[in-house]
Amino acid sequence: MMETSSSNEYHPITIIKNSLPSQSQKSSSIKLAISKDERLEYLNIPKGLIELLKINDFTIEKILEYGPSKIAEILVIDNYVAQIIFNETNNKKY
């Protein structure tokens, strides 16, 4: 009879990248970091939602323009959560 390992064991995978990014990749990543709307950090919402907004290139203006329904659709989140994001952004004075 063969021994089997428990199906609940966790085995992490480490990925090592051997190449350095080219100069064009460096400047584009710097540009992306600069283009993020820093005002999102001041919203009274969980950091995970702030990161989700940043990853999807949201700005304060886009949040107010899109409204809760479109925010929910783009981020694939519940309308209730999108409403919280919209309300919090709308209540801030920028």
PDB file of N, CA and C in Angstrom:
ATOM      1  N   MET A   1       0.837  -1.173   0.000  1.00  0.00           N
ATOM      2  CA  MET A   1       0.000   0.000   0.000  1.00  0.00           C
ATOM      3  C   MET A   1       0.887   1.243   0.000  1.00  0.00           C
ATOM      4  N   MET A   2       0.548   2.237  -0.833  1.00  0.00           N
ATOM      5  CA  MET A   2       1.345   3.461  -0.937  1.00  0.00           C
ATOM      6  C   MET A   2       0.923   4.450   0.125  1.00  0.00           C
ATOM      7  N   GLU A   3       1.912   5.191   0.623  1.00  0.00           N
ATOM      8  CA  GLU A   3       1.603   6.276   1.554  1.00  0.00           C
ATOM      9  C   GLU A   3       1.222   7.506   0.756  1.00  0.00           C
ATOM     10  N   THR A   4       0.186   8.188   1.197  1.00  0.00           N
ATOM     11  CA  THR A   4      -0.203   9.437   0.543  1.00  0.00           C
ATOM     12  C   THR A   4      -0.109  10.565   1.544  1.00  0.00           C
ATOM     13  N   SER A   5       0.225  11.725   1.049  1.00  0.00           N
ATOM     14  CA  SER A   5       0.305  12.869   1.955  1.00  0.00           C
ATOM     15  C   SER A   5      -1.094  13.439   2.159  1.00  0.00           C
ATOM     16  N   SER A   6      -1.260  14.119   3.229  1.00  0.00           N
ATOM     17  CA  SER A   6      -2.548  14.718   3.550  1.00  0.00           C
ATOM     18  C   SER A   6      -2.908  15.756   2.487  1.00  0.00           C
ATOM     19  N   SER A   7      -4.152  15.781   2.088  1.00  0.00           N
ATOM     20  CA  SER A   7      -4.592  16.736   1.063  1.00  0.00           C
ATOM     21  C   SER A   7      -4.661  18.158   1.609  1.00  0.00           C
ATOM     22  N   ASN A   8      -4.519  18.323   2.922  1.00  0.00           N
ATOM     23  CA  ASN A   8      -4.578  19.652   3.526  1.00  0.00           C
ATOM     24  C   ASN A   8      -3.213  20.315   3.646  1.00  0.00           C
ATOM     25  N   GLU A   9      -2.163  19.645   3.170  1.00  0.00           N
ATOM     26  CA  GLU A   9      -0.829  20.226   3.278  1.00  0.00           C
ATOM     27  C   GLU A   9      -0.695  21.397   2.324  1.00  0.00           C
ATOM     28  N   TYR A  10       0.057  22.401   2.750  1.00  0.00           N
ATOM     29  CA  TYR A  10       0.286  23.593   1.952  1.00  0.00           C
ATOM     30  C   TYR A  10       1.740  23.600   1.522  1.00  0.00           C
ATOM     31  N   HIS A  11       1.962  23.711   0.225  1.00  0.00           N
ATOM     32  CA  HIS A  11       3.317  23.752  -0.306  1.00  0.00           C
ATOM     33  C   HIS A  11       3.484  25.033  -1.107  1.00  0.00           C
ATOM     34  N   PRO A  12       4.188  26.037  -0.556  1.00  0.00           N
ATOM     35  CA  PRO A  12       4.342  27.298  -1.280  1.00  0.00           C
ATOM     36  C   PRO A  12       5.202  27.128  -2.528  1.00  0.00           C
ATOM     37  N   ILE A  13       4.927  27.948  -3.514  1.00  0.00           N
ATOM     38  CA  ILE A  13       5.697  27.954  -4.746  1.00  0.00           C
ATOM     39  C   ILE A  13       6.431  29.282  -4.820  1.00  0.00           C
ATOM     40  N   THR A  14       7.715  29.226  -5.082  1.00  0.00           N
ATOM     41  CA  THR A  14       8.518  30.434  -5.216  1.00  0.00           C
ATOM     42  C   THR A  14       8.906  30.592  -6.671  1.00  0.00           C
ATOM     43  N   ILE A  15       8.647  31.779  -7.214  1.00  0.00           N
ATOM     44  CA  ILE A  15       9.016  32.077  -8.591  1.00  0.00           C
ATOM     45  C   ILE A  15      10.149  33.086  -8.558  1.00  0.00           C
ATOM     46  N   ILE A  16      11.231  32.767  -9.227  1.00  0.00           N
ATOM     47  CA  ILE A  16      12.388  33.651  -9.261  1.00  0.00           C
ATOM     48  C   ILE A  16      12.566  34.142 -10.686  1.00  0.00           C
ATOM     49  N   LYS A  17      12.605  35.448 -10.840  1.00  0.00           N
ATOM     50  CA  LYS A  17      12.797  36.040 -12.150  1.00  0.00           C
ATOM     51  C   LYS A  17      14.273  36.360 -12.311  1.00  0.00           C
ATOM     52  N   ASN A  18      14.897  35.818 -13.346  1.00  0.00           N
ATOM     53  CA  ASN A  18      16.334  35.974 -13.529  1.00  0.00           C
ATOM     54  C   ASN A  18      16.735  37.211 -14.302  1.00  0.00           C
ATOM     55  N   SER A  19      15.831  37.822 -15.022  1.00  0.00           N
ATOM     56  CA  SER A  19      16.226  38.965 -15.841  1.00  0.00           C
ATOM     57  C   SER A  19      15.836  40.271 -15.179  1.00  0.00           C
ATOM     58  N   LEU A  20      16.617  41.296 -15.451  1.00  0.00           N
ATOM     59  CA  LEU A  20      16.312  42.628 -14.953  1.00  0.00           C
ATOM     60  C   LEU A  20      15.415  43.329 -15.957  1.00  0.00           C
ATOM     61  N   PRO A  21      14.523  44.186 -15.488  1.00  0.00           N
ATOM     62  CA  PRO A  21      13.662  44.888 -16.437  1.00  0.00           C
ATOM     63  C   PRO A  21      14.467  45.840 -17.308  1.00  0.00           C
ATOM     64  N   SER A  22      14.035  46.016 -18.534  1.00  0.00           N
ATOM     65  CA  SER A  22      14.716  46.948 -19.428  1.00  0.00           C
ATOM     66  C   SER A  22      14.454  48.373 -18.980  1.00  0.00           C
ATOM     67  N   GLN A  23      15.187  49.304 -19.557  1.00  0.00           N
ATOM     68  CA  GLN A  23      15.032  50.710 -19.186  1.00  0.00           C
ATOM     69  C   GLN A  23      13.601  51.198 -19.457  1.00  0.00           C
ATOM     70  N   SER A  24      13.004  50.760 -20.578  1.00  0.00           N
ATOM     71  CA  SER A  24      11.641  51.208 -20.885  1.00  0.00           C
ATOM     72  C   SER A  24      10.639  50.679 -19.860  1.00  0.00           C
ATOM     73  N   GLN A  25      10.853  49.465 -19.363  1.00  0.00           N
ATOM     74  CA  GLN A  25       9.962  48.920 -18.338  1.00  0.00           C
ATOM     75  C   GLN A  25      10.112  49.698 -17.036  1.00  0.00           C
ATOM     76  N   LYS A  26      11.330  50.093 -16.701  1.00  0.00           N
ATOM     77  CA  LYS A  26      11.540  50.855 -15.473  1.00  0.00           C
ATOM     78  C   LYS A  26      10.784  52.173 -15.530  1.00  0.00           C
ATOM     79  N   SER A  27      10.927  52.908 -16.613  1.00  0.00           N
ATOM     80  CA  SER A  27      10.287  54.212 -16.687  1.00  0.00           C
ATOM     81  C   SER A  27       8.765  54.086 -16.738  1.00  0.00           C
ATOM     82  N   SER A  28       8.247  53.055 -17.386  1.00  0.00           N
ATOM     83  CA  SER A  28       6.796  52.903 -17.426  1.00  0.00           C
ATOM     84  C   SER A  28       6.248  52.545 -16.048  1.00  0.00           C
ATOM     85  N   SER A  29       6.958  51.741 -15.279  1.00  0.00           N
ATOM     86  CA  SER A  29       6.471  51.412 -13.948  1.00  0.00           C
ATOM     87  C   SER A  29       6.548  52.622 -13.029  1.00  0.00           C
ATOM     88  N   ILE A  30       7.537  53.458 -13.225  1.00  0.00           N
ATOM     89  CA  ILE A  30       7.617  54.690 -12.439  1.00  0.00           C
ATOM     90  C   ILE A  30       6.455  55.604 -12.817  1.00  0.00           C
ATOM     91  N   LYS A  31       6.166  55.703 -14.097  1.00  0.00           N
ATOM     92  CA  LYS A  31       5.064  56.539 -14.560  1.00  0.00           C
ATOM     93  C   LYS A  31       3.746  56.042 -13.975  1.00  0.00           C
ATOM     94  N   LEU A  32       3.544  54.734 -13.942  1.00  0.00           N
ATOM     95  CA  LEU A  32       2.318  54.172 -13.379  1.00  0.00           C
ATOM     96  C   LEU A  32       2.185  54.505 -11.905  1.00  0.00           C
ATOM     97  N   ALA A  33       3.287  54.424 -11.175  1.00  0.00           N
ATOM     98  CA  ALA A  33       3.252  54.711  -9.745  1.00  0.00           C
ATOM     99  C   ALA A  33       2.902  56.171  -9.502  1.00  0.00           C
ATOM    100  N   ILE A  34       3.402  57.055 -10.339  1.00  0.00           N
ATOM    101  CA  ILE A  34       3.143  58.481 -10.177  1.00  0.00           C
ATOM    102  C   ILE A  34       1.706  58.821 -10.565  1.00  0.00           C
ATOM    103  N   SER A  35       1.149  58.119 -11.530  1.00  0.00           N
ATOM    104  CA  SER A  35      -0.176  58.465 -12.040  1.00  0.00           C
ATOM    105  C   SER A  35      -1.323  58.054 -11.109  1.00  0.00           C
ATOM    106  N   LYS A  36      -1.058  57.289 -10.075  1.00  0.00           N
ATOM    107  CA  LYS A  36      -2.114  56.875  -9.153  1.00  0.00           C
ATOM    108  C   LYS A  36      -2.605  58.075  -8.342  1.00  0.00           C
ATOM    109  N   ASP A  37      -3.896  58.120  -8.094  1.00  0.00           N
ATOM    110  CA  ASP A  37      -4.500  59.225  -7.349  1.00  0.00           C
ATOM    111  C   ASP A  37      -4.242  59.025  -5.856  1.00  0.00           C
ATOM    112  N   GLU A  38      -3.344  59.814  -5.323  1.00  0.00           N
ATOM    113  CA  GLU A  38      -2.973  59.696  -3.909  1.00  0.00           C
ATOM    114  C   GLU A  38      -4.124  60.074  -2.973  1.00  0.00           C
ATOM    115  N   ARG A  39      -5.089  60.817  -3.450  1.00  0.00           N
ATOM    116  CA  ARG A  39      -6.220  61.214  -2.611  1.00  0.00           C
ATOM    117  C   ARG A  39      -7.062  60.024  -2.175  1.00  0.00           C
ATOM    118  N   LEU A  40      -6.967  58.921  -2.912  1.00  0.00           N
ATOM    119  CA  LEU A  40      -7.715  57.719  -2.533  1.00  0.00           C
ATOM    120  C   LEU A  40      -7.320  57.232  -1.139  1.00  0.00           C
ATOM    121  N   GLU A  41      -6.065  57.487  -0.757  1.00  0.00           N
ATOM    122  CA  GLU A  41      -5.573  57.062   0.562  1.00  0.00           C
ATOM    123  C   GLU A  41      -6.348  57.710   1.708  1.00  0.00           C
ATOM    124  N   TYR A  42      -6.984  58.841   1.457  1.00  0.00           N
ATOM    125  CA  TYR A  42      -7.690  59.570   2.508  1.00  0.00           C
ATOM    126  C   TYR A  42      -9.149  59.155   2.660  1.00  0.00           C
ATOM    127  N   LEU A  43      -9.603  58.250   1.805  1.00  0.00           N
ATOM    128  CA  LEU A  43     -10.968  57.749   1.946  1.00  0.00           C
ATOM    129  C   LEU A  43     -11.052  56.818   3.156  1.00  0.00           C
ATOM    130  N   ASN A  44     -12.139  56.890   3.861  1.00  0.00           N
ATOM    131  CA  ASN A  44     -12.337  56.058   5.045  1.00  0.00           C
ATOM    132  C   ASN A  44     -12.980  54.733   4.630  1.00  0.00           C
ATOM    133  N   ILE A  45     -12.200  53.951   3.861  1.00  0.00           N
ATOM    134  CA  ILE A  45     -12.622  52.625   3.407  1.00  0.00           C
ATOM    135  C   ILE A  45     -11.440  51.681   3.609  1.00  0.00           C
ATOM    136  N   PRO A  46     -11.668  50.373   3.635  1.00  0.00           N
ATOM    137  CA  PRO A  46     -10.565  49.426   3.838  1.00  0.00           C
ATOM    138  C   PRO A  46      -9.455  49.580   2.787  1.00  0.00           C
ATOM    139  N   LYS A  47      -8.228  49.353   3.215  1.00  0.00           N
ATOM    140  CA  LYS A  47      -7.055  49.472   2.337  1.00  0.00           C
ATOM    141  C   LYS A  47      -7.167  48.570   1.115  1.00  0.00           C
ATOM    142  N   GLY A  48      -7.775  47.415   1.277  1.00  0.00           N
ATOM    143  CA  GLY A  48      -7.949  46.505   0.154  1.00  0.00           C
ATOM    144  C   GLY A  48      -8.792  47.116  -0.951  1.00  0.00           C
ATOM    145  N   LEU A  49      -9.819  47.870  -0.572  1.00  0.00           N
ATOM    146  CA  LEU A  49     -10.643  48.552  -1.565  1.00  0.00           C
ATOM    147  C   LEU A  49      -9.874  49.684  -2.237  1.00  0.00           C
ATOM    148  N   ILE A  50      -9.053  50.379  -1.465  1.00  0.00           N
ATOM    149  CA  ILE A  50      -8.218  51.444  -2.032  1.00  0.00           C
ATOM    150  C   ILE A  50      -7.267  50.855  -3.063  1.00  0.00           C
ATOM    151  N   GLU A  51      -6.651  49.727  -2.741  1.00  0.00           N
ATOM    152  CA  GLU A  51      -5.746  49.068  -3.690  1.00  0.00           C
ATOM    153  C   GLU A  51      -6.492  48.624  -4.939  1.00  0.00           C
ATOM    154  N   LEU A  52      -7.704  48.099  -4.765  1.00  0.00           N
ATOM    155  CA  LEU A  52      -8.517  47.679  -5.896  1.00  0.00           C
ATOM    156  C   LEU A  52      -8.836  48.867  -6.805  1.00  0.00           C
ATOM    157  N   LEU A  53      -9.152  49.999  -6.195  1.00  0.00           N
ATOM    158  CA  LEU A  53      -9.417  51.208  -6.971  1.00  0.00           C
ATOM    159  C   LEU A  53      -8.171  51.640  -7.743  1.00  0.00           C
ATOM    160  N   LYS A  54      -7.029  51.609  -7.077  1.00  0.00           N
ATOM    161  CA  LYS A  54      -5.776  52.018  -7.729  1.00  0.00           C
ATOM    162  C   LYS A  54      -5.408  51.090  -8.873  1.00  0.00           C
ATOM    163  N   ILE A  55      -5.514  49.798  -8.649  1.00  0.00           N
ATOM    164  CA  ILE A  55      -5.177  48.814  -9.682  1.00  0.00           C
ATOM    165  C   ILE A  55      -6.027  49.038 -10.928  1.00  0.00           C
ATOM    166  N   ASN A  56      -7.264  49.461 -10.725  1.00  0.00           N
ATOM    167  CA  ASN A  56      -8.180  49.676 -11.840  1.00  0.00           C
ATOM    168  C   ASN A  56      -8.195  51.132 -12.313  1.00  0.00           C
ATOM    169  N   ASP A  57      -7.163  51.887 -11.940  1.00  0.00           N
ATOM    170  CA  ASP A  57      -6.950  53.273 -12.394  1.00  0.00           C
ATOM    171  C   ASP A  57      -8.097  54.227 -12.070  1.00  0.00           C
ATOM    172  N   PHE A  58      -8.731  54.027 -10.928  1.00  0.00           N
ATOM    173  CA  PHE A  58      -9.760  54.957 -10.503  1.00  0.00           C
ATOM    174  C   PHE A  58      -9.132  56.208  -9.924  1.00  0.00           C
ATOM    175  N   THR A  59      -9.815  57.309 -10.102  1.00  0.00           N
ATOM    176  CA  THR A  59      -9.471  58.571  -9.464  1.00  0.00           C
ATOM    177  C   THR A  59     -10.721  59.041  -8.727  1.00  0.00           C
ATOM    178  N   ILE A  60     -10.567  60.063  -7.921  1.00  0.00           N
ATOM    179  CA  ILE A  60     -11.720  60.641  -7.234  1.00  0.00           C
ATOM    180  C   ILE A  60     -12.761  61.073  -8.270  1.00  0.00           C
ATOM    181  N   GLU A  61     -12.293  61.708  -9.341  1.00  0.00           N
ATOM    182  CA  GLU A  61     -13.208  62.189 -10.377  1.00  0.00           C
ATOM    183  C   GLU A  61     -13.956  61.041 -11.054  1.00  0.00           C
ATOM    184  N   LYS A  62     -13.254  59.949 -11.336  1.00  0.00           N
ATOM    185  CA  LYS A  62     -13.909  58.801 -11.977  1.00  0.00           C
ATOM    186  C   LYS A  62     -14.958  58.187 -11.066  1.00  0.00           C
ATOM    187  N   ILE A  63     -14.661  58.090  -9.788  1.00  0.00           N
ATOM    188  CA  ILE A  63     -15.627  57.525  -8.834  1.00  0.00           C
ATOM    189  C   ILE A  63     -16.909  58.360  -8.848  1.00  0.00           C
ATOM    190  N   LEU A  64     -16.748  59.683  -8.771  1.00  0.00           N
ATOM    191  CA  LEU A  64     -17.917  60.565  -8.753  1.00  0.00           C
ATOM    192  C   LEU A  64     -18.657  60.566 -10.085  1.00  0.00           C
ATOM    193  N   GLU A  65     -17.931  60.457 -11.171  1.00  0.00           N
ATOM    194  CA  GLU A  65     -18.544  60.428 -12.502  1.00  0.00           C
ATOM    195  C   GLU A  65     -19.297  59.123 -12.749  1.00  0.00           C
ATOM    196  N   TYR A  66     -18.684  57.998 -12.387  1.00  0.00           N
ATOM    197  CA  TYR A  66     -19.268  56.688 -12.685  1.00  0.00           C
ATOM    198  C   TYR A  66     -20.478  56.368 -11.834  1.00  0.00           C
ATOM    199  N   GLY A  67     -20.432  56.708 -10.566  1.00  0.00           N
ATOM    200  CA  GLY A  67     -21.518  56.341  -9.664  1.00  0.00           C
ATOM    201  C   GLY A  67     -21.407  54.883  -9.230  1.00  0.00           C
ATOM    202  N   PRO A  68     -22.207  54.493  -8.248  1.00  0.00           N
ATOM    203  CA  PRO A  68     -22.093  53.159  -7.647  1.00  0.00           C
ATOM    204  C   PRO A  68     -22.291  51.989  -8.606  1.00  0.00           C
ATOM    205  N   SER A  69     -23.245  52.083  -9.518  1.00  0.00           N
ATOM    206  CA  SER A  69     -23.532  50.948 -10.408  1.00  0.00           C
ATOM    207  C   SER A  69     -22.349  50.613 -11.303  1.00  0.00           C
ATOM    208  N   LYS A  70     -21.756  51.633 -11.909  1.00  0.00           N
ATOM    209  CA  LYS A  70     -20.629  51.390 -12.808  1.00  0.00           C
ATOM    210  C   LYS A  70     -19.387  50.964 -12.025  1.00  0.00           C
ATOM    211  N   ILE A  71     -19.194  51.515 -10.829  1.00  0.00           N
ATOM    212  CA  ILE A  71     -18.072  51.103  -9.973  1.00  0.00           C
ATOM    213  C   ILE A  71     -18.200  49.614  -9.664  1.00  0.00           C
ATOM    214  N   ALA A  72     -19.406  49.193  -9.276  1.00  0.00           N
ATOM    215  CA  ALA A  72     -19.649  47.781  -8.956  1.00  0.00           C
ATOM    216  C   ALA A  72     -19.387  46.894 -10.164  1.00  0.00           C
ATOM    217  N   GLU A  73     -19.808  47.343 -11.326  1.00  0.00           N
ATOM    218  CA  GLU A  73     -19.622  46.566 -12.548  1.00  0.00           C
ATOM    219  C   GLU A  73     -18.136  46.424 -12.903  1.00  0.00           C
ATOM    220  N   ILE A  74     -17.396  47.523 -12.853  1.00  0.00           N
ATOM    221  CA  ILE A  74     -15.976  47.507 -13.222  1.00  0.00           C
ATOM    222  C   ILE A  74     -15.156  46.682 -12.240  1.00  0.00           C
ATOM    223  N   LEU A  75     -15.410  46.877 -10.942  1.00  0.00           N
ATOM    224  CA  LEU A  75     -14.615  46.195  -9.908  1.00  0.00           C
ATOM    225  C   LEU A  75     -15.141  44.797  -9.587  1.00  0.00           C
ATOM    226  N   VAL A  76     -16.300  44.450 -10.127  1.00  0.00           N
ATOM    227  CA  VAL A  76     -16.962  43.172  -9.857  1.00  0.00           C
ATOM    228  C   VAL A  76     -17.141  42.987  -8.343  1.00  0.00           C
ATOM    229  N   ILE A  77     -17.824  43.968  -7.756  1.00  0.00           N
ATOM    230  CA  ILE A  77     -18.125  43.947  -6.325  1.00  0.00           C
ATOM    231  C   ILE A  77     -19.626  44.169  -6.144  1.00  0.00           C
ATOM    232  N   ASP A  78     -20.119  43.949  -4.933  1.00  0.00           N
ATOM    233  CA  ASP A  78     -21.530  44.173  -4.628  1.00  0.00           C
ATOM    234  C   ASP A  78     -21.878  45.652  -4.766  1.00  0.00           C
ATOM    235  N   ASN A  79     -23.101  45.915  -5.170  1.00  0.00           N
ATOM    236  CA  ASN A  79     -23.574  47.299  -5.276  1.00  0.00           C
ATOM    237  C   ASN A  79     -23.490  48.024  -3.940  1.00  0.00           C
ATOM    238  N   TYR A  80     -23.742  47.290  -2.862  1.00  0.00           N
ATOM    239  CA  TYR A  80     -23.678  47.880  -1.525  1.00  0.00           C
ATOM    240  C   TYR A  80     -22.283  48.422  -1.228  1.00  0.00           C
ATOM    241  N   VAL A  81     -21.260  47.663  -1.565  1.00  0.00           N
ATOM    242  CA  VAL A  81     -19.874  48.084  -1.323  1.00  0.00           C
ATOM    243  C   VAL A  81     -19.537  49.269  -2.228  1.00  0.00           C
ATOM    244  N   ALA A  82     -19.975  49.215  -3.476  1.00  0.00           N
ATOM    245  CA  ALA A  82     -19.738  50.328  -4.403  1.00  0.00           C
ATOM    246  C   ALA A  82     -20.421  51.602  -3.898  1.00  0.00           C
ATOM    247  N   GLN A  83     -21.593  51.449  -3.306  1.00  0.00           N
ATOM    248  CA  GLN A  83     -22.302  52.610  -2.747  1.00  0.00           C
ATOM    249  C   GLN A  83     -21.509  53.225  -1.601  1.00  0.00           C
ATOM    250  N   ILE A  84     -20.898  52.383  -0.775  1.00  0.00           N
ATOM    251  CA  ILE A  84     -20.064  52.879   0.329  1.00  0.00           C
ATOM    252  C   ILE A  84     -18.883  53.671  -0.224  1.00  0.00           C
ATOM    253  N   ILE A  85     -18.218  53.139  -1.248  1.00  0.00           N
ATOM    254  CA  ILE A  85     -17.088  53.834  -1.875  1.00  0.00           C
ATOM    255  C   ILE A  85     -17.554  55.187  -2.424  1.00  0.00           C
ATOM    256  N   PHE A  86     -18.671  55.183  -3.151  1.00  0.00           N
ATOM    257  CA  PHE A  86     -19.191  56.415  -3.743  1.00  0.00           C
ATOM    258  C   PHE A  86     -19.559  57.424  -2.660  1.00  0.00           C
ATOM    259  N   ASN A  87     -20.287  56.981  -1.637  1.00  0.00           N
ATOM    260  CA  ASN A  87     -20.709  57.892  -0.564  1.00  0.00           C
ATOM    261  C   ASN A  87     -19.510  58.505   0.153  1.00  0.00           C
ATOM    262  N   GLU A  88     -18.519  57.692   0.455  1.00  0.00           N
ATOM    263  CA  GLU A  88     -17.340  58.193   1.149  1.00  0.00           C
ATOM    264  C   GLU A  88     -16.604  59.216   0.284  1.00  0.00           C
ATOM    265  N   THR A  89     -16.492  58.943  -0.997  1.00  0.00           N
ATOM    266  CA  THR A  89     -15.820  59.869  -1.914  1.00  0.00           C
ATOM    267  C   THR A  89     -16.628  61.150  -2.052  1.00  0.00           C
ATOM    268  N   ASN A  90     -17.928  61.018  -2.159  1.00  0.00           N
ATOM    269  CA  ASN A  90     -18.816  62.176  -2.325  1.00  0.00           C
ATOM    270  C   ASN A  90     -18.810  63.065  -1.085  1.00  0.00           C
ATOM    271  N   ASN A  91     -18.603  62.494   0.091  1.00  0.00           N
ATOM    272  CA  ASN A  91     -18.615  63.251   1.329  1.00  0.00           C
ATOM    273  C   ASN A  91     -17.319  64.035   1.566  1.00  0.00           C
ATOM    274  N   LYS A  92     -16.242  63.628   0.901  1.00  0.00           N
ATOM    275  CA  LYS A  92     -14.959  64.341   1.024  1.00  0.00           C
ATOM    276  C   LYS A  92     -15.013  65.601   0.171  1.00  0.00           C
ATOM    277  N   LYS A  93     -14.350  66.625   0.612  1.00  0.00           N
ATOM    278  CA  LYS A  93     -14.294  67.878  -0.140  1.00  0.00           C
ATOM    279  C   LYS A  93     -12.899  68.030  -0.738  1.00  0.00           C
ATOM    280  N   TYR A  94     -12.792  67.804  -2.052  1.00  0.00           N
ATOM    281  CA  TYR A  94     -11.491  67.902  -2.734  1.00  0.00           C
ATOM    282  C   TYR A  94     -11.428  69.140  -3.570  1.00  0.00           C
TER     283      TYR A  94
END
